[in-house]
C-alpha atoms as a PDB file:
ATOM      1  CA  MET A   1     129.279  60.974  60.660  1.00  0.00           C
ATOM      2  CA  TRP A   2     130.196  59.266  63.608  1.00  0.00           C
ATOM      3  CA  ALA A   3     127.967  59.133  66.876  1.00  0.00           C
ATOM      4  CA  GLY A   4     128.682  58.015  70.470  1.00  0.00           C
ATOM      5  CA  VAL A   5     127.964  58.656  74.300  1.00  0.00           C
ATOM      6  CA  VAL A   6     130.561  60.167  76.196  1.00  0.00           C
ATOM      7  CA  ARG A   7     130.714  59.199  79.902  1.00  0.00           C
ATOM      8  CA  GLY A   8     133.417  60.206  82.692  1.00  0.00           C
ATOM      9  CA  PRO A   9     135.058  62.657  84.577  1.00  0.00           C
ATOM     10  CA  VAL A  10     136.281  66.236  83.442  1.00  0.00           C
ATOM     11  CA  ARG A  11     138.067  68.275  86.042  1.00  0.00           C
ATOM     12  CA  VAL A  12     139.147  71.904  85.781  1.00  0.00           C
ATOM     13  CA  GLU A  13     141.290  73.974  87.812  1.00  0.00           C
ATOM     14  CA  GLY A  14     142.414  77.581  87.818  1.00  0.00           C
ATOM     15  CA  THR A  15     141.117  80.910  86.447  1.00  0.00           C
ATOM     16  CA  ALA A  16     139.509  81.742  82.960  1.00  0.00           C
ATOM     17  CA  ARG A  17     143.269  82.734  82.001  1.00  0.00           C
ATOM     18  CA  ALA A  18     145.156  80.288  83.524  1.00  0.00           C
ATOM     19  CA  PHE A  19     143.747  76.715  83.885  1.00  0.00           C
ATOM     20  CA  GLU A  20     144.403  72.914  83.973  1.00  0.00           C
ATOM     21  CA  ALA A  21     141.992  70.493  82.638  1.00  0.00           C
ATOM     22  CA  SER A  22     141.972  66.679  82.522  1.00  0.00           C
ATOM     23  CA  VAL A  23     139.564  64.064  81.103  1.00  0.00           C
ATOM     24  CA  ASP A  24     139.244  60.326  81.715  1.00  0.00           C
ATOM     25  CA  VAL A  25     136.288  59.246  79.588  1.00  0.00           C
ATOM     26  CA  GLN A  26     134.772  56.384  77.883  1.00  0.00           C
ATOM     27  CA  VAL A  27     132.946  56.317  74.734  1.00  0.00           C
ATOM     28  CA  SER A  28     130.064  54.002  74.080  1.00  0.00           C
ATOM     29  CA  PRO A  29     127.607  53.696  71.034  1.00  0.00           C
ATOM     30  CA  PRO A  30     124.348  55.495  71.359  1.00  0.00           C
ATOM     31  CA  GLU A  31     121.043  53.318  72.027  1.00  0.00           C
ATOM     32  CA  GLU A  32     119.688  54.366  68.748  1.00  0.00           C
ATOM     33  CA  LEU A  33     121.551  55.629  65.302  1.00  0.00           C
ATOM     34  CA  THR A  34     119.984  57.930  63.097  1.00  0.00           C
ATOM     35  CA  GLU A  35     120.527  57.352  59.264  1.00  0.00           C
ATOM     36  CA  GLY A  36     124.026  58.105  57.955  1.00  0.00           C
ATOM     37  CA  LYS A  37     125.650  57.760  61.348  1.00  0.00           C
ATOM     38  CA  GLN A  38     128.186  55.506  62.380  1.00  0.00           C
ATOM     39  CA  ALA A  39     128.611  54.189  66.010  1.00  0.00           C
ATOM     40  CA  VAL A  40     132.001  54.595  67.773  1.00  0.00           C
ATOM     41  CA  GLU A  41     133.293  53.669  70.974  1.00  0.00           C
ATOM     42  CA  GLY A  42     136.808  54.031  72.976  1.00  0.00           C
ATOM     43  CA  ALA A  43     138.275  55.564  75.710  1.00  0.00           C
ATOM     44  CA  LEU A  44     140.710  58.952  76.135  1.00  0.00           C
ATOM     45  CA  ARG A  45     142.691  60.172  79.040  1.00  0.00           C
ATOM     46  CA  ALA A  46     144.302  63.609  78.425  1.00  0.00           C
ATOM     47  CA  SER A  47     145.074  66.883  80.132  1.00  0.00           C
ATOM     48  CA  TYR A  48     145.471  70.352  78.973  1.00  0.00           C
ATOM     49  CA  GLN A  49     147.499  73.326  80.162  1.00  0.00           C
ATOM     50  CA  SER A  50     146.382  76.739  79.018  1.00  0.00           C
ATOM     51  CA  ALA A  51     149.771  78.235  79.557  1.00  0.00           C
ATOM     52  CA  GLY A  52     151.557  77.171  76.288  1.00  0.00           C
ATOM     53  CA  GLY A  53     148.247  75.573  74.986  1.00  0.00           C
ATOM     54  CA  LEU A  54     149.675  72.008  75.763  1.00  0.00           C
ATOM     55  CA  LEU A  55     147.281  69.180  74.953  1.00  0.00           C
ATOM     56  CA  LEU A  56     148.630  65.850  76.046  1.00  0.00           C
ATOM     57  CA  VAL A  57     146.821  62.478  75.098  1.00  0.00           C
ATOM     58  CA  GLU A  58     148.120  60.235  77.592  1.00  0.00           C
ATOM     59  CA  ALA A  59     146.070  57.188  76.255  1.00  0.00           C
ATOM     60  CA  GLY A  60     143.458  56.803  73.866  1.00  0.00           C
ATOM     61  CA  HIS A  61     141.679  54.556  71.410  1.00  0.00           C
ATOM     62  CA  LEU A  62     138.797  54.795  68.953  1.00  0.00           C
ATOM     63  CA  GLN A  63     137.029  51.708  67.886  1.00  0.00           C
ATOM     64  CA  LEU A  64     134.611  51.898  64.594  1.00  0.00           C
ATOM     65  CA  ALA A  65     132.730  49.145  63.096  1.00  0.00           C
ATOM     66  CA  HIS A  66     135.941  47.590  61.399  1.00  0.00           C
ATOM     67  CA  THR A  67     138.744  50.027  62.491  1.00  0.00           C
ATOM     68  CA  ARG A  68     140.685  50.751  65.627  1.00  0.00           C
ATOM     69  CA  LEU A  69     142.957  53.557  66.234  1.00  0.00           C
ATOM     70  CA  ILE A  70     145.253  53.889  69.172  1.00  0.00           C
ATOM     71  CA  ALA A  71     146.895  57.365  69.899  1.00  0.00           C
ATOM     72  CA  ARG A  72     149.218  59.208  72.261  1.00  0.00           C
ATOM     73  CA  GLY A  73     150.959  62.488  72.565  1.00  0.00           C
ATOM     74  CA  ASP A  74     150.277  66.186  71.751  1.00  0.00           C
ATOM     75  CA  PRO A  75     148.269  66.711  68.432  1.00  0.00           C
ATOM     76  CA  GLY A  76     149.552  70.063  68.252  1.00  0.00           C
ATOM     77  CA  LYS A  77     153.482  68.832  68.067  1.00  0.00           C
ATOM     78  CA  ALA A  78     153.772  65.392  67.913  1.00  0.00           C
ATOM     79  CA  MET A  79     151.792  62.223  67.962  1.00  0.00           C
ATOM     80  CA  GLU A  80     152.337  58.561  67.725  1.00  0.00           C
ATOM     81  CA  PHE A  81     149.326  56.394  66.299  1.00  0.00           C
ATOM     82  CA  SER A  82     148.406  53.091  65.167  1.00  0.00           C
ATOM     83  CA  LEU A  83     145.524  52.154  62.887  1.00  0.00           C
ATOM     84  CA  VAL A  84     144.131  48.701  61.972  1.00  0.00           C
ATOM     85  CA  SER A  85     141.368  48.277  59.670  1.00  0.00           C
ATOM     86  CA  SER A  86     139.402  45.571  57.593  1.00  0.00           C
ATOM     87  CA  ASP A  87     137.027  48.374  55.970  1.00  0.00           C
ATOM     88  CA  LEU A  88     138.254  51.438  54.942  1.00  0.00           C
ATOM     89  CA  ASP A  89     135.157  53.160  54.242  1.00  0.00           C
ATOM     90  CA  ASP A  90     134.845  53.490  58.404  1.00  0.00           C
ATOM     91  CA  LEU A  91     137.285  56.419  57.685  1.00  0.00           C
ATOM     92  CA  LEU A  92     135.238  58.335  55.122  1.00  0.00           C
ATOM     93  CA  PRO A  93     133.909  60.824  57.749  1.00  0.00           C
ATOM     94  CA  ALA A  94     137.412  61.448  58.780  1.00  0.00           C
ATOM     95  CA  LEU A  95     138.007  62.971  55.154  1.00  0.00           C
ATOM     96  CA  ARG A  96     135.524  65.569  55.540  1.00  0.00           C
ATOM     97  CA  MET A  97     137.625  67.179  58.381  1.00  0.00           C
ATOM     98  CA  VAL A  98     140.493  67.647  56.040  1.00  0.00           C
ATOM     99  CA  SER A  99     138.635  68.072  52.912  1.00  0.00           C
ATOM    100  CA  GLU A 100     135.886  70.543  51.524  1.00  0.00           C
ATOM    101  CA  GLU A 101     134.243  67.314  49.692  1.00  0.00           C
ATOM    102  CA  GLU A 102     133.810  63.915  50.883  1.00  0.00           C
ATOM    103  CA  PRO A 103     134.250  61.292  48.300  1.00  0.00           C
ATOM    104  CA  ALA A 104     131.359  58.819  47.886  1.00  0.00           C
ATOM    105  CA  ARG A 105     133.823  55.817  48.295  1.00  0.00           C
ATOM    106  CA  LEU A 106     137.632  55.163  48.237  1.00  0.00           C
ATOM    107  CA  PRO A 107     139.429  54.064  45.307  1.00  0.00           C
ATOM    108  CA  VAL A 108     140.708  51.351  47.779  1.00  0.00           C
ATOM    109  CA  THR A 109     138.902  48.242  49.238  1.00  0.00           C
ATOM    110  CA  LEU A 110     140.196  45.412  51.266  1.00  0.00           C
ATOM    111  CA  ASP A 111     139.453  41.968  49.929  1.00  0.00           C
ATOM    112  CA  ARG A 112     138.923  40.113  53.231  1.00  0.00           C
ATOM    113  CA  GLY A 113     142.136  41.688  54.326  1.00  0.00           C
ATOM    114  CA  GLN A 114     143.467  44.654  56.766  1.00  0.00           C
ATOM    115  CA  VAL A 115     145.636  47.644  56.576  1.00  0.00           C
ATOM    116  CA  ARG A 116     148.006  48.390  59.402  1.00  0.00           C
ATOM    117  CA  ILE A 117     149.514  51.700  59.764  1.00  0.00           C
ATOM    118  CA  ASP A 118     152.024  52.620  62.312  1.00  0.00           C
ATOM    119  CA  GLY A 119     153.335  56.171  62.299  1.00  0.00           C
ATOM    120  CA  ARG A 120     153.883  59.707  63.885  1.00  0.00           C
ATOM    121  CA  TRP A 121     152.216  63.078  63.383  1.00  0.00           C
ATOM    122  CA  ASP A 122     154.320  66.140  63.632  1.00  0.00           C
ATOM    123  CA  GLY A 123     153.176  69.713  63.500  1.00  0.00           C
ATOM    124  CA  GLY A 124     149.954  71.515  63.523  1.00  0.00           C
ATOM    125  CA  ALA A 125     146.626  70.683  62.179  1.00  0.00           C
ATOM    126  CA  ASN A 126     146.987  72.963  59.216  1.00  0.00           C
ATOM    127  CA  ASN A 127     150.693  72.155  58.308  1.00  0.00           C
ATOM    128  CA  GLY A 128     151.589  68.875  59.693  1.00  0.00           C
ATOM    129  CA  THR A 129     153.309  65.881  58.454  1.00  0.00           C
ATOM    130  CA  VAL A 130     152.677  62.321  59.002  1.00  0.00           C
ATOM    131  CA  ALA A 131     155.334  59.429  58.665  1.00  0.00           C
ATOM    132  CA  GLY A 132     155.321  56.043  59.309  1.00  0.00           C
ATOM    133  CA  ARG A 133     154.952  52.500  57.617  1.00  0.00           C
ATOM    134  CA  LEU A 134     151.967  50.993  55.964  1.00  0.00           C
ATOM    135  CA  GLU A 135     151.044  47.229  55.442  1.00  0.00           C
ATOM    136  CA  ALA A 136     148.023  45.858  53.744  1.00  0.00           C
ATOM    137  CA  GLY A 137     146.428  43.286  51.944  1.00  0.00           C
ATOM    138  CA  PRO A 138     144.879  41.608  50.052  1.00  0.00           C
ATOM    139  CA  LEU A 139     143.049  44.885  48.566  1.00  0.00           C
ATOM    140  CA  VAL A 140     141.445  46.112  45.468  1.00  0.00           C
ATOM    141  CA  VAL A 141     142.865  49.312  43.861  1.00  0.00           C
ATOM    142  CA  GLU A 142     140.168  50.628  41.022  1.00  0.00           C
ATOM    143  CA  GLY A 143     139.240  47.417  40.511  1.00  0.00           C
ATOM    144  CA  ARG A 144     142.960  45.620  40.393  1.00  0.00           C
ATOM    145  CA  ARG A 145     143.601  43.051  42.977  1.00  0.00           C
ATOM    146  CA  LEU A 146     146.735  43.369  45.178  1.00  0.00           C
ATOM    147  CA  GLU A 147     148.126  40.405  47.280  1.00  0.00           C
ATOM    148  CA  ASP A 148     149.892  42.624  49.562  1.00  0.00           C
ATOM    149  CA  VAL A 149     151.427  46.333  49.849  1.00  0.00           C
ATOM    150  CA  GLU A 150     154.226  47.396  51.983  1.00  0.00           C
ATOM    151  CA  SER A 151     155.857  50.980  52.236  1.00  0.00           C
ATOM    152  CA  GLU A 152     157.484  53.542  54.241  1.00  0.00           C
ATOM    153  CA  PHE A 153     155.443  56.803  53.918  1.00  0.00           C
ATOM    154  CA  GLN A 154     155.824  60.708  54.565  1.00  0.00           C
ATOM    155  CA  ALA A 155     152.732  62.851  53.895  1.00  0.00           C
ATOM    156  CA  ARG A 156     151.449  66.300  54.090  1.00  0.00           C
ATOM    157  CA  ALA A 157     148.532  68.128  52.462  1.00  0.00           C
ATOM    158  CA  SER A 158     150.691  69.044  49.465  1.00  0.00           C
ATOM    159  CA  GLY A 159     152.114  65.662  48.568  1.00  0.00           C
ATOM    160  CA  VAL A 160     153.188  62.055  49.569  1.00  0.00           C
ATOM    161  CA  THR A 161     156.385  60.224  49.212  1.00  0.00           C
ATOM    162  CA  LEU A 162     156.697  56.467  49.278  1.00  0.00           C
ATOM    163  CA  ARG A 163     160.021  54.563  49.949  1.00  0.00           C
ATOM    164  CA  ALA A 164     160.653  50.851  50.217  1.00  0.00           C
ATOM    165  CA  VAL A 165     157.666  49.986  48.448  1.00  0.00           C
ATOM    166  CA  ARG A 166     157.059  46.284  47.783  1.00  0.00           C
ATOM    167  CA  VAL A 167     153.701  45.515  45.888  1.00  0.00           C
ATOM    168  CA  ARG A 168     152.993  41.617  45.003  1.00  0.00           C
ATOM    169  CA  ALA A 169     150.192  40.822  42.454  1.00  0.00           C
ATOM    170  CA  ALA A 170     149.481  38.538  39.844  1.00  0.00           C
ATOM    171  CA  GLY A 171     152.341  36.582  40.753  1.00  0.00           C
ATOM    172  CA  ALA A 172     154.709  39.627  40.158  1.00  0.00           C
ATOM    173  CA  THR A 173     156.643  41.731  42.454  1.00  0.00           C
ATOM    174  CA  LEU A 174     156.925  45.507  42.200  1.00  0.00           C
ATOM    175  CA  THR A 175     160.055  47.505  44.323  1.00  0.00           C
ATOM    176  CA  GLY A 176     160.585  51.075  44.334  1.00  0.00           C
ATOM    177  CA  GLU A 177     160.171  54.431  45.453  1.00  0.00           C
ATOM    178  CA  GLY A 178     157.980  57.477  44.335  1.00  0.00           C
ATOM    179  CA  SER A 179     155.900  60.710  44.883  1.00  0.00           C
ATOM    180  CA  LEU A 180     152.796  62.181  44.273  1.00  0.00           C
ATOM    181  CA  GLY A 181     151.722  65.754  44.572  1.00  0.00           C
ATOM    182  CA  LEU A 182     148.302  66.462  46.483  1.00  0.00           C
ATOM    183  CA  GLU A 183     145.758  69.536  47.054  1.00  0.00           C
ATOM    184  CA  ASN A 184     144.517  69.411  50.568  1.00  0.00           C
ATOM    185  CA  TRP A 185     145.477  65.750  51.079  1.00  0.00           C
ATOM    186  CA  LEU A 186     143.824  64.488  47.654  1.00  0.00           C
ATOM    187  CA  PRO A 187     145.202  63.785  44.277  1.00  0.00           C
ATOM    188  CA  VAL A 188     143.826  65.671  41.210  1.00  0.00           C
ATOM    189  CA  ALA A 189     144.646  65.275  37.569  1.00  0.00           C
ATOM    190  CA  ALA A 190     146.916  67.727  37.541  1.00  0.00           C
ATOM    191  CA  SER A 191     149.183  66.420  40.522  1.00  0.00           C
ATOM    192  CA  ARG A 192     152.793  65.776  39.821  1.00  0.00           C
ATOM    193  CA  LEU A 193     154.061  62.172  39.515  1.00  0.00           C
ATOM    194  CA  ALA A 194     157.462  60.879  39.941  1.00  0.00           C
ATOM    195  CA  GLY A 195     159.052  57.515  40.800  1.00  0.00           C
ATOM    196  CA  SER A 196     161.499  54.640  39.855  1.00  0.00           C
ATOM    197  CA  PHE A 197     160.494  51.121  40.159  1.00  0.00           C
ATOM    198  CA  ARG A 198     161.465  47.572  39.324  1.00  0.00           C
ATOM    199  CA  LEU A 199     159.111  44.490  38.469  1.00  0.00           C
ATOM    200  CA  ALA A 200     159.737  40.930  38.161  1.00  0.00           C
ATOM    201  CA  ALA A 201     156.977  38.936  36.466  1.00  0.00           C
ATOM    202  CA  PRO A 202     157.177  35.119  36.014  1.00  0.00           C
ATOM    203  CA  ARG A 203     153.899  35.226  34.060  1.00  0.00           C
ATOM    204  CA  VAL A 204     153.465  38.406  31.909  1.00  0.00           C
ATOM    205  CA  GLU A 205     150.028  37.273  30.923  1.00  0.00           C
ATOM    206  CA  ALA A 206     148.777  37.699  34.584  1.00  0.00           C
ATOM    207  CA  VAL A 207     150.386  41.226  34.706  1.00  0.00           C
ATOM    208  CA  ALA A 208     148.632  42.160  31.416  1.00  0.00           C
ATOM    209  CA  ALA A 209     145.041  40.626  32.768  1.00  0.00           C
ATOM    210  CA  LEU A 210     145.684  42.960  35.698  1.00  0.00           C
ATOM    211  CA  ALA A 211     146.638  46.063  33.806  1.00  0.00           C
ATOM    212  CA  GLY A 212     143.272  45.492  31.840  1.00  0.00           C
ATOM    213  CA  GLN A 213     144.703  43.724  28.727  1.00  0.00           C
ATOM    214  CA  GLY A 214     143.879  40.218  29.298  1.00  0.00           C
ATOM    215  CA  GLY A 215     142.763  39.674  25.924  1.00  0.00           C
ATOM    216  CA  LEU A 216     146.485  39.834  24.520  1.00  0.00           C
ATOM    217  CA  PRO A 217     147.738  36.580  23.044  1.00  0.00           C
ATOM    218  CA  LEU A 218     151.110  36.720  25.242  1.00  0.00           C
ATOM    219  CA  THR A 219     152.886  34.933  27.721  1.00  0.00           C
ATOM    220  CA  GLY A 220     156.430  34.140  29.102  1.00  0.00           C
ATOM    221  CA  ALA A 221     158.134  35.693  31.919  1.00  0.00           C
ATOM    222  CA  ALA A 222     159.984  39.369  32.141  1.00  0.00           C
ATOM    223  CA  GLU A 223     161.679  41.822  34.296  1.00  0.00           C
ATOM    224  CA  ALA A 224     161.479  45.540  33.805  1.00  0.00           C
ATOM    225  CA  THR A 225     162.570  48.873  35.149  1.00  0.00           C
ATOM    226  CA  ALA A 226     160.343  52.073  34.992  1.00  0.00           C
ATOM    227  CA  ARG A 227     160.799  55.797  35.728  1.00  0.00           C
ATOM    228  CA  LEU A 228     157.642  57.405  36.089  1.00  0.00           C
ATOM    229  CA  GLU A 229     156.577  60.910  35.403  1.00  0.00           C
ATOM    230  CA  GLY A 230     154.019  63.100  34.257  1.00  0.00           C
ATOM    231  CA  THR A 231     150.736  63.764  36.317  1.00  0.00           C
ATOM    232  CA  TYR A 232     148.111  61.788  38.027  1.00  0.00           C
ATOM    233  CA  GLY A 233     145.531  62.383  35.305  1.00  0.00           C
ATOM    234  CA  SER A 234     148.324  61.755  32.383  1.00  0.00           C
ATOM    235  CA  PRO A 235     150.974  59.461  33.603  1.00  0.00           C
ATOM    236  CA  ALA A 236     154.150  58.439  31.407  1.00  0.00           C
ATOM    237  CA  VAL A 237     156.690  55.863  31.808  1.00  0.00           C
ATOM    238  CA  ALA A 238     160.113  55.022  30.351  1.00  0.00           C
ATOM    239  CA  GLY A 239     162.600  52.042  31.186  1.00  0.00           C
ATOM    240  CA  GLU A 240     164.008  48.809  29.844  1.00  0.00           C
ATOM    241  CA  VAL A 241     162.502  45.358  29.679  1.00  0.00           C
ATOM    242  CA  THR A 242     164.062  41.720  29.307  1.00  0.00           C
ATOM    243  CA  ALA A 243     161.897  38.859  28.367  1.00  0.00           C
ATOM    244  CA  SER A 244     162.412  35.288  28.277  1.00  0.00           C
ATOM    245  CA  GLY A 245     160.430  32.208  26.987  1.00  0.00           C
ATOM    246  CA  ILE A 246     157.789  34.470  25.144  1.00  0.00           C
ATOM    247  CA  THR A 247     154.982  33.310  23.032  1.00  0.00           C
ATOM    248  CA  ALA A 248     153.241  36.474  21.294  1.00  0.00           C
ATOM    249  CA  TRP A 249     150.484  36.256  18.769  1.00  0.00           C
ATOM    250  CA  GLY A 250     151.552  32.665  18.000  1.00  0.00           C
ATOM    251  CA  GLU A 251     155.353  33.381  17.502  1.00  0.00           C
ATOM    252  CA  ARG A 252     157.890  32.013  19.904  1.00  0.00           C
ATOM    253  CA  VAL A 253     160.735  34.178  21.057  1.00  0.00           C
ATOM    254  CA  GLN A 254     163.665  32.819  23.576  1.00  0.00           C
ATOM    255  CA  ALA A 255     164.668  36.225  24.816  1.00  0.00           C
ATOM    256  CA  ALA A 256     164.220  39.744  24.092  1.00  0.00           C
ATOM    257  CA  LYS A 257     165.089  43.371  25.269  1.00  0.00           C
ATOM    258  CA  ALA A 258     163.773  46.506  24.756  1.00  0.00           C
ATOM    259  CA  GLU A 259     164.055  50.176  25.911  1.00  0.00           C
ATOM    260  CA  TYR A 260     160.591  51.766  25.989  1.00  0.00           C
ATOM    261  CA  ARG A 261     158.500  54.994  26.460  1.00  0.00           C
ATOM    262  CA  ALA A 262     155.042  54.719  27.059  1.00  0.00           C
ATOM    263  CA  ALA A 263     151.667  56.552  28.019  1.00  0.00           C
ATOM    264  CA  ARG A 264     148.120  55.862  27.900  1.00  0.00           C
ATOM    265  CA  GLU A 265     147.908  56.254  24.145  1.00  0.00           C
ATOM    266  CA  TYR A 266     151.278  55.366  23.028  1.00  0.00           C
ATOM    267  CA  LEU A 267     154.252  52.829  23.214  1.00  0.00           C
ATOM    268  CA  GLU A 268     157.834  53.760  21.773  1.00  0.00           C
ATOM    269  CA  ILE A 269     160.496  51.000  21.615  1.00  0.00           C
ATOM    270  CA  PRO A 270     163.670  53.033  20.167  1.00  0.00           C
ATOM    271  CA  THR A 271     166.002  49.711  20.605  1.00  0.00           C
ATOM    272  CA  LEU A 272     164.937  46.217  20.509  1.00  0.00           C
ATOM    273  CA  ALA A 273     167.105  43.014  20.395  1.00  0.00           C
ATOM    274  CA  VAL A 274     165.311  39.633  19.733  1.00  0.00           C
ATOM    275  CA  GLU A 275     166.538  35.937  19.851  1.00  0.00           C
ATOM    276  CA  ALA A 276     164.248  33.697  18.144  1.00  0.00           C
ATOM    277  CA  GLY A 277     165.098  30.106  17.024  1.00  0.00           C
ATOM    278  CA  PRO A 278     168.411  30.187  15.097  1.00  0.00           C
ATOM    279  CA  GLY A 279     167.845  33.941  14.296  1.00  0.00           C
ATOM    280  CA  ARG A 280     168.738  37.253  15.732  1.00  0.00           C
ATOM    281  CA  ALA A 281     167.197  40.592  15.198  1.00  0.00           C
ATOM    282  CA  SER A 282     167.124  44.267  15.907  1.00  0.00           C
ATOM    283  CA  GLY A 283     164.893  47.250  15.439  1.00  0.00           C
ATOM    284  CA  SER A 284     162.725  49.706  16.757  1.00  0.00           C
ATOM    285  CA  ALA A 285     158.791  50.103  16.899  1.00  0.00           C
ATOM    286  CA  SER A 286     156.130  52.501  17.917  1.00  0.00           C
ATOM    287  CA  VAL A 287     152.601  51.938  18.916  1.00  0.00           C
ATOM    288  CA  LYS A 288     149.534  54.093  18.945  1.00  0.00           C
ATOM    289  CA  ALA A 289     146.434  53.285  20.774  1.00  0.00           C
ATOM    290  CA  PRO A 290     143.806  56.239  20.121  1.00  0.00           C
ATOM    291  CA  GLY A 291     141.988  56.608  23.404  1.00  0.00           C
ATOM    292  CA  GLY A 292     143.844  54.099  25.324  1.00  0.00           C
ATOM    293  CA  ASP A 293     142.120  51.121  23.209  1.00  0.00           C
ATOM    294  CA  TRP A 294     145.106  48.724  22.875  1.00  0.00           C
ATOM    295  CA  SER A 295     142.937  46.003  21.312  1.00  0.00           C
ATOM    296  CA  ALA A 296     142.670  48.555  18.256  1.00  0.00           C
ATOM    297  CA  ALA A 297     146.314  49.697  17.807  1.00  0.00           C
ATOM    298  CA  THR A 298     148.372  50.608  15.030  1.00  0.00           C
ATOM    299  CA  VAL A 299     152.082  49.480  15.062  1.00  0.00           C
ATOM    300  CA  GLU A 300     155.137  50.939  13.031  1.00  0.00           C
ATOM    301  CA  PHE A 301     158.379  49.145  12.951  1.00  0.00           C
ATOM    302  CA  GLN A 302     161.765  48.840  11.234  1.00  0.00           C
ATOM    303  CA  ILE A 303     163.894  45.742  11.786  1.00  0.00           C
ATOM    304  CA  THR A 304     166.878  43.913  10.763  1.00  0.00           C
ATOM    305  CA  GLY A 305     167.352  40.101  11.181  1.00  0.00           C
ATOM    306  CA  ARG A 306     169.738  37.380  10.379  1.00  0.00           C
ATOM    307  CA  ASP A 307     169.806  33.565  10.215  1.00  0.00           C
ATOM    308  CA  PHE A 308     166.084  32.994  10.750  1.00  0.00           C
ATOM    309  CA  THR A 309     164.015  30.276   8.779  1.00  0.00           C
ATOM    310  CA  LEU A 310     160.750  30.559   7.177  1.00  0.00           C
ATOM    311  CA  GLU A 311     159.325  27.536   8.881  1.00  0.00           C
ATOM    312  CA  GLN A 312     159.657  29.104  12.206  1.00  0.00           C
ATOM    313  CA  TRP A 313     157.045  31.832  11.980  1.00  0.00           C
ATOM    314  CA  GLN A 314     153.524  30.720  12.313  1.00  0.00           C
ATOM    315  CA  TYR A 315     152.149  33.551  10.542  1.00  0.00           C
ATOM    316  CA  LEU A 316     153.970  33.202   7.337  1.00  0.00           C
ATOM    317  CA  GLN A 317     152.764  29.493   7.717  1.00  0.00           C
ATOM    318  CA  SER A 318     149.388  30.877   8.045  1.00  0.00           C
ATOM    319  CA  VAL A 319     149.977  32.810   4.661  1.00  0.00           C
ATOM    320  CA  ARG A 320     151.506  29.607   2.887  1.00  0.00           C
ATOM    321  CA  LYS A 321     151.695  26.394   4.607  1.00  0.00           C
ATOM    322  CA  GLY A 322     155.133  24.462   3.932  1.00  0.00           C
ATOM    323  CA  PHE A 323     157.170  27.789   3.423  1.00  0.00           C
ATOM    324  CA  ARG A 324     160.905  26.758   3.783  1.00  0.00           C
ATOM    325  CA  GLY A 325     164.024  28.358   3.541  1.00  0.00           C
ATOM    326  CA  ASP A 326     166.362  31.074   5.093  1.00  0.00           C
ATOM    327  CA  LEU A 327     165.400  34.572   6.099  1.00  0.00           C
ATOM    328  CA  ASP A 328     167.580  37.599   6.332  1.00  0.00           C
ATOM    329  CA  ALA A 329     165.736  40.643   6.398  1.00  0.00           C
ATOM    330  CA  ASP A 330     166.208  44.473   6.460  1.00  0.00           C
ATOM    331  CA  ALA A 331     162.385  45.580   6.558  1.00  0.00           C
ATOM    332  CA  ALA A 332     159.962  48.427   7.973  1.00  0.00           C
ATOM    333  CA  GLY A 333     156.164  47.965   7.865  1.00  0.00           C
ATOM    334  CA  SER A 334     153.186  48.664   9.739  1.00  0.00           C
ATOM    335  CA  LEU A 335     150.395  46.454  11.475  1.00  0.00           C
ATOM    336  CA  ARG A 336     147.135  47.067  12.807  1.00  0.00           C
ATOM    337  CA  VAL A 337     145.511  45.223  15.716  1.00  0.00           C
ATOM    338  CA  VAL A 338     141.929  44.432  15.565  1.00  0.00           C
ATOM    339  CA  ASN A 339     140.227  42.980  18.515  1.00  0.00           C
ATOM    340  CA  GLY A 340     143.652  41.871  19.796  1.00  0.00           C
ATOM    341  CA  VAL A 341     144.494  40.240  16.531  1.00  0.00           C
ATOM    342  CA  ALA A 342     147.683  41.722  14.538  1.00  0.00           C
ATOM    343  CA  LYS A 343     147.266  42.075  10.762  1.00  0.00           C
ATOM    344  CA  VAL A 344     149.817  43.301   8.512  1.00  0.00           C
ATOM    345  CA  SER A 345     149.083  46.468   6.848  1.00  0.00           C
ATOM    346  CA  SER A 346     152.340  47.263   4.645  1.00  0.00           C
ATOM    347  CA  ILE A 347     155.898  45.642   4.719  1.00  0.00           C
ATOM    348  CA  ARG A 348     158.723  47.580   2.851  1.00  0.00           C
ATOM    349  CA  GLY A 349     162.273  46.195   2.216  1.00  0.00           C
ATOM    350  CA  GLY A 350     163.736  42.507   1.999  1.00  0.00           C
END
């Protein structure tokens, strides 16, 4: 909780039924802080008219250890504000005002960066809407570092909508828009999720590491679209990926294009086109990762290929060095991924 000492004139004129009041006060830190308290300082110049219940903040600012808030307007109708912070934990006590439980810590921390929010609050305390623009970075979201984040936003107790989103991380750029349902201003596992995004990733290995899959033997560049759906606790995504200059599990691919559907425990690729060396291939695949462990996944695939050579495939050369010849294939099979290494379980066709 915050603690401060308020000093300044308070004026009240009128009767108990009809009066006007004004304040012009300064807030300074207390001489001593008890455990669990945060020092606060600032200033407030405001007036109140009982007829109509009009509260007008003419000028006000609040300074915490690493956070500054400036506001003016009528809190019950419309108020403009600006928030700048280099440590979002300063705001934890504020969550208790709008939520029954105060979280131990926020899922977002700043990594020697800052967050700036310029916005406007419309409506009452229980049914208000806040809208504006957010700029932040560098920051860490659930252990993943982002260089910067920009977005326009609109939020109420039941949900938040983001537009003109731009996120840069691991050399990649994500743009788009989305929405998330909330319960009393906080997401829960059942909160509905929706969005449409585009990703440009010059180094897919860096993005894989950001996603917690840094052990995958994968390099190259990619662009992707994503349609987000499902819930906060169980999200799903579908879209299209195009890639170039890919090296995956030791095999080189000039270009690839695929449609996909994915969630925490599966990846489905209903259409796939690949160019590798002189060959061309098309097919489909599905990957299952029980418990979300992609280092121990199983893969089912079907592929038709023409004009490949045996010597271009590193896996075949590892089985029998010096393999030579042309390769046309209509095949289906399965792989097992063990500790990030793919091993053939079965192959059918020829």
